[in-house]
Amino acid sequence: IQSAVGGPLHECTRLLTSREKWHMLVGRVTSALKDAS
């Protein structure tokens, strides 16, 4: 049972962390563009 729940749960947390990294990256790019303009 643990492995059945741990699979999707692990995938969900992995997606969340990657999404946070993506937001950080986008924030950096947008701020850099604002500085350049």
PDB file of N, CA and C in Angstrom:
ATOM      1  N   ILE A   1       0.851  -1.204   0.000  1.00  0.00           N
ATOM      2  CA  ILE A   1       0.000   0.000   0.000  1.00  0.00           C
ATOM      3  C   ILE A   1       0.886   1.253   0.000  1.00  0.00           C
ATOM      4  N   GLN A   2       1.939   1.242   0.796  1.00  0.00           N
ATOM      5  CA  GLN A   2       2.818   2.413   0.885  1.00  0.00           C
ATOM      6  C   GLN A   2       3.414   2.761  -0.475  1.00  0.00           C
ATOM      7  N   SER A   3       3.863   1.741  -1.207  1.00  0.00           N
ATOM      8  CA  SER A   3       4.474   2.004  -2.509  1.00  0.00           C
ATOM      9  C   SER A   3       3.437   2.541  -3.492  1.00  0.00           C
ATOM     10  N   ALA A   4       2.197   2.043  -3.380  1.00  0.00           N
ATOM     11  CA  ALA A   4       1.131   2.489  -4.286  1.00  0.00           C
ATOM     12  C   ALA A   4       0.833   3.970  -4.060  1.00  0.00           C
ATOM     13  N   VAL A   5       0.874   4.406  -2.797  1.00  0.00           N
ATOM     14  CA  VAL A   5       0.597   5.809  -2.477  1.00  0.00           C
ATOM     15  C   VAL A   5       1.860   6.651  -2.665  1.00  0.00           C
ATOM     16  N   GLY A   6       3.003   6.079  -2.332  1.00  0.00           N
ATOM     17  CA  GLY A   6       4.269   6.808  -2.419  1.00  0.00           C
ATOM     18  C   GLY A   6       4.622   7.200  -3.839  1.00  0.00           C
ATOM     19  N   GLY A   7       4.224   6.378  -4.815  1.00  0.00           N
ATOM     20  CA  GLY A   7       4.531   6.679  -6.217  1.00  0.00           C
ATOM     21  C   GLY A   7       3.942   8.002  -6.651  1.00  0.00           C
ATOM     22  N   PRO A   8       2.601   8.115  -6.684  1.00  0.00           N
ATOM     23  CA  PRO A   8       1.942   9.364  -7.090  1.00  0.00           C
ATOM     24  C   PRO A   8       2.320  10.534  -6.191  1.00  0.00           C
ATOM     25  N   LEU A   9       2.470  10.264  -4.896  1.00  0.00           N
ATOM     26  CA  LEU A   9       2.803  11.335  -3.953  1.00  0.00           C
ATOM     27  C   LEU A   9       4.181  11.906  -4.282  1.00  0.00           C
ATOM     28  N   HIS A  10       5.128  11.005  -4.546  1.00  0.00           N
ATOM     29  CA  HIS A  10       6.483  11.442  -4.888  1.00  0.00           C
ATOM     30  C   HIS A  10       6.455  12.242  -6.183  1.00  0.00           C
ATOM     31  N   GLU A  11       5.664  11.786  -7.140  1.00  0.00           N
ATOM     32  CA  GLU A  11       5.547  12.481  -8.430  1.00  0.00           C
ATOM     33  C   GLU A  11       4.969  13.879  -8.228  1.00  0.00           C
ATOM     34  N   CYS A  12       3.988  13.978  -7.321  1.00  0.00           N
ATOM     35  CA  CYS A  12       3.336  15.263  -7.066  1.00  0.00           C
ATOM     36  C   CYS A  12       4.327  16.242  -6.448  1.00  0.00           C
ATOM     37  N   THR A  13       5.092  15.784  -5.457  1.00  0.00           N
ATOM     38  CA  THR A  13       6.057  16.668  -4.801  1.00  0.00           C
ATOM     39  C   THR A  13       7.149  17.069  -5.781  1.00  0.00           C
ATOM     40  N   ARG A  14       7.525  16.130  -6.669  1.00  0.00           N
ATOM     41  CA  ARG A  14       8.563  16.429  -7.650  1.00  0.00           C
ATOM     42  C   ARG A  14       8.077  17.509  -8.608  1.00  0.00           C
ATOM     43  N   LEU A  15       6.817  17.414  -9.004  1.00  0.00           N
ATOM     44  CA  LEU A  15       6.239  18.410  -9.910  1.00  0.00           C
ATOM     45  C   LEU A  15       6.160  19.770  -9.223  1.00  0.00           C
ATOM     46  N   LEU A  16       5.814  19.757  -7.929  1.00  0.00           N
ATOM     47  CA  LEU A  16       5.697  21.014  -7.194  1.00  0.00           C
ATOM     48  C   LEU A  16       7.050  21.707  -7.098  1.00  0.00           C
ATOM     49  N   THR A  17       8.100  20.945  -6.788  1.00  0.00           N
ATOM     50  CA  THR A  17       9.422  21.547  -6.648  1.00  0.00           C
ATOM     51  C   THR A  17       9.910  22.075  -7.982  1.00  0.00           C
ATOM     52  N   SER A  18       9.652  21.333  -9.051  1.00  0.00           N
ATOM     53  CA  SER A  18      10.091  21.782 -10.378  1.00  0.00           C
ATOM     54  C   SER A  18       9.327  23.032 -10.787  1.00  0.00           C
ATOM     55  N   ARG A  19       8.052  23.109 -10.383  1.00  0.00           N
ATOM     56  CA  ARG A  19       7.253  24.285 -10.724  1.00  0.00           C
ATOM     57  C   ARG A  19       7.779  25.507  -9.969  1.00  0.00           C
ATOM     58  N   GLU A  20       8.196  25.300  -8.720  1.00  0.00           N
ATOM     59  CA  GLU A  20       8.744  26.415  -7.945  1.00  0.00           C
ATOM     60  C   GLU A  20      10.038  26.912  -8.583  1.00  0.00           C
ATOM     61  N   LYS A  21      10.864  25.956  -9.042  1.00  0.00           N
ATOM     62  CA  LYS A  21      12.111  26.332  -9.712  1.00  0.00           C
ATOM     63  C   LYS A  21      11.798  27.095 -10.989  1.00  0.00           C
ATOM     64  N   TRP A  22      10.753  26.658 -11.692  1.00  0.00           N
ATOM     65  CA  TRP A  22      10.349  27.318 -12.940  1.00  0.00           C
ATOM     66  C   TRP A  22       9.922  28.756 -12.659  1.00  0.00           C
ATOM     67  N   HIS A  23       9.148  28.944 -11.573  1.00  0.00           N
ATOM     68  CA  HIS A  23       8.691  30.294 -11.219  1.00  0.00           C
ATOM     69  C   HIS A  23       9.887  31.180 -10.860  1.00  0.00           C
ATOM     70  N   MET A  24      10.866  30.598 -10.158  1.00  0.00           N
ATOM     71  CA  MET A  24      12.060  31.353  -9.793  1.00  0.00           C
ATOM     72  C   MET A  24      12.806  31.787 -11.054  1.00  0.00           C
ATOM     73  N   LEU A  25      12.908  30.856 -12.013  1.00  0.00           N
ATOM     74  CA  LEU A  25      13.617  31.145 -13.258  1.00  0.00           C
ATOM     75  C   LEU A  25      12.903  32.240 -14.035  1.00  0.00           C
ATOM     76  N   VAL A  26      11.579  32.130 -14.135  1.00  0.00           N
ATOM     77  CA  VAL A  26      10.786  33.127 -14.865  1.00  0.00           C
ATOM     78  C   VAL A  26      10.912  34.490 -14.186  1.00  0.00           C
ATOM     79  N   GLY A  27      10.882  34.492 -12.866  1.00  0.00           N
ATOM     80  CA  GLY A  27      11.006  35.746 -12.131  1.00  0.00           C
ATOM     81  C   GLY A  27      12.341  36.415 -12.399  1.00  0.00           C
ATOM     82  N   ARG A  28      13.398  35.606 -12.471  1.00  0.00           N
ATOM     83  CA  ARG A  28      14.728  36.147 -12.738  1.00  0.00           C
ATOM     84  C   ARG A  28      14.794  36.751 -14.132  1.00  0.00           C
ATOM     85  N   VAL A  29      14.214  36.046 -15.094  1.00  0.00           N
ATOM     86  CA  VAL A  29      14.256  36.506 -16.491  1.00  0.00           C
ATOM     87  C   VAL A  29      13.466  37.800 -16.650  1.00  0.00           C
ATOM     88  N   THR A  30      12.277  37.847 -16.055  1.00  0.00           N
ATOM     89  CA  THR A  30      11.437  39.044 -16.191  1.00  0.00           C
ATOM     90  C   THR A  30      12.101  40.246 -15.524  1.00  0.00           C
ATOM     91  N   SER A  31      12.711  40.025 -14.367  1.00  0.00           N
ATOM     92  CA  SER A  31      13.373  41.133 -13.683  1.00  0.00           C
ATOM     93  C   SER A  31      14.583  41.595 -14.490  1.00  0.00           C
ATOM     94  N   ALA A  32      15.274  40.667 -15.122  1.00  0.00           N
ATOM     95  CA  ALA A  32      16.431  41.013 -15.948  1.00  0.00           C
ATOM     96  C   ALA A  32      15.980  41.822 -17.161  1.00  0.00           C
ATOM     97  N   LEU A  33      14.842  41.427 -17.732  1.00  0.00           N
ATOM     98  CA  LEU A  33      14.316  42.151 -18.894  1.00  0.00           C
ATOM     99  C   LEU A  33      13.901  43.566 -18.491  1.00  0.00           C
ATOM    100  N   LYS A  34      13.322  43.693 -17.306  1.00  0.00           N
ATOM    101  CA  LYS A  34      12.901  45.017 -16.826  1.00  0.00           C
ATOM    102  C   LYS A  34      14.125  45.910 -16.630  1.00  0.00           C
ATOM    103  N   ASP A  35      15.203  45.320 -16.107  1.00  0.00           N
ATOM    104  CA  ASP A  35      16.423  46.097 -15.894  1.00  0.00           C
ATOM    105  C   ASP A  35      17.021  46.533 -17.231  1.00  0.00           C
ATOM    106  N   ALA A  36      16.916  45.670 -18.239  1.00  0.00           N
ATOM    107  CA  ALA A  36      17.522  45.959 -19.543  1.00  0.00           C
ATOM    108  C   ALA A  36      16.761  47.058 -20.269  1.00  0.00           C
ATOM    109  N   SER A  37      15.463  47.074 -20.102  1.00  0.00           N
ATOM    110  CA  SER A  37      14.656  48.060 -20.843  1.00  0.00           C
ATOM    111  C   SER A  37      14.790  49.457 -20.235  1.00  0.00           C
TER     112      SER A  37
END
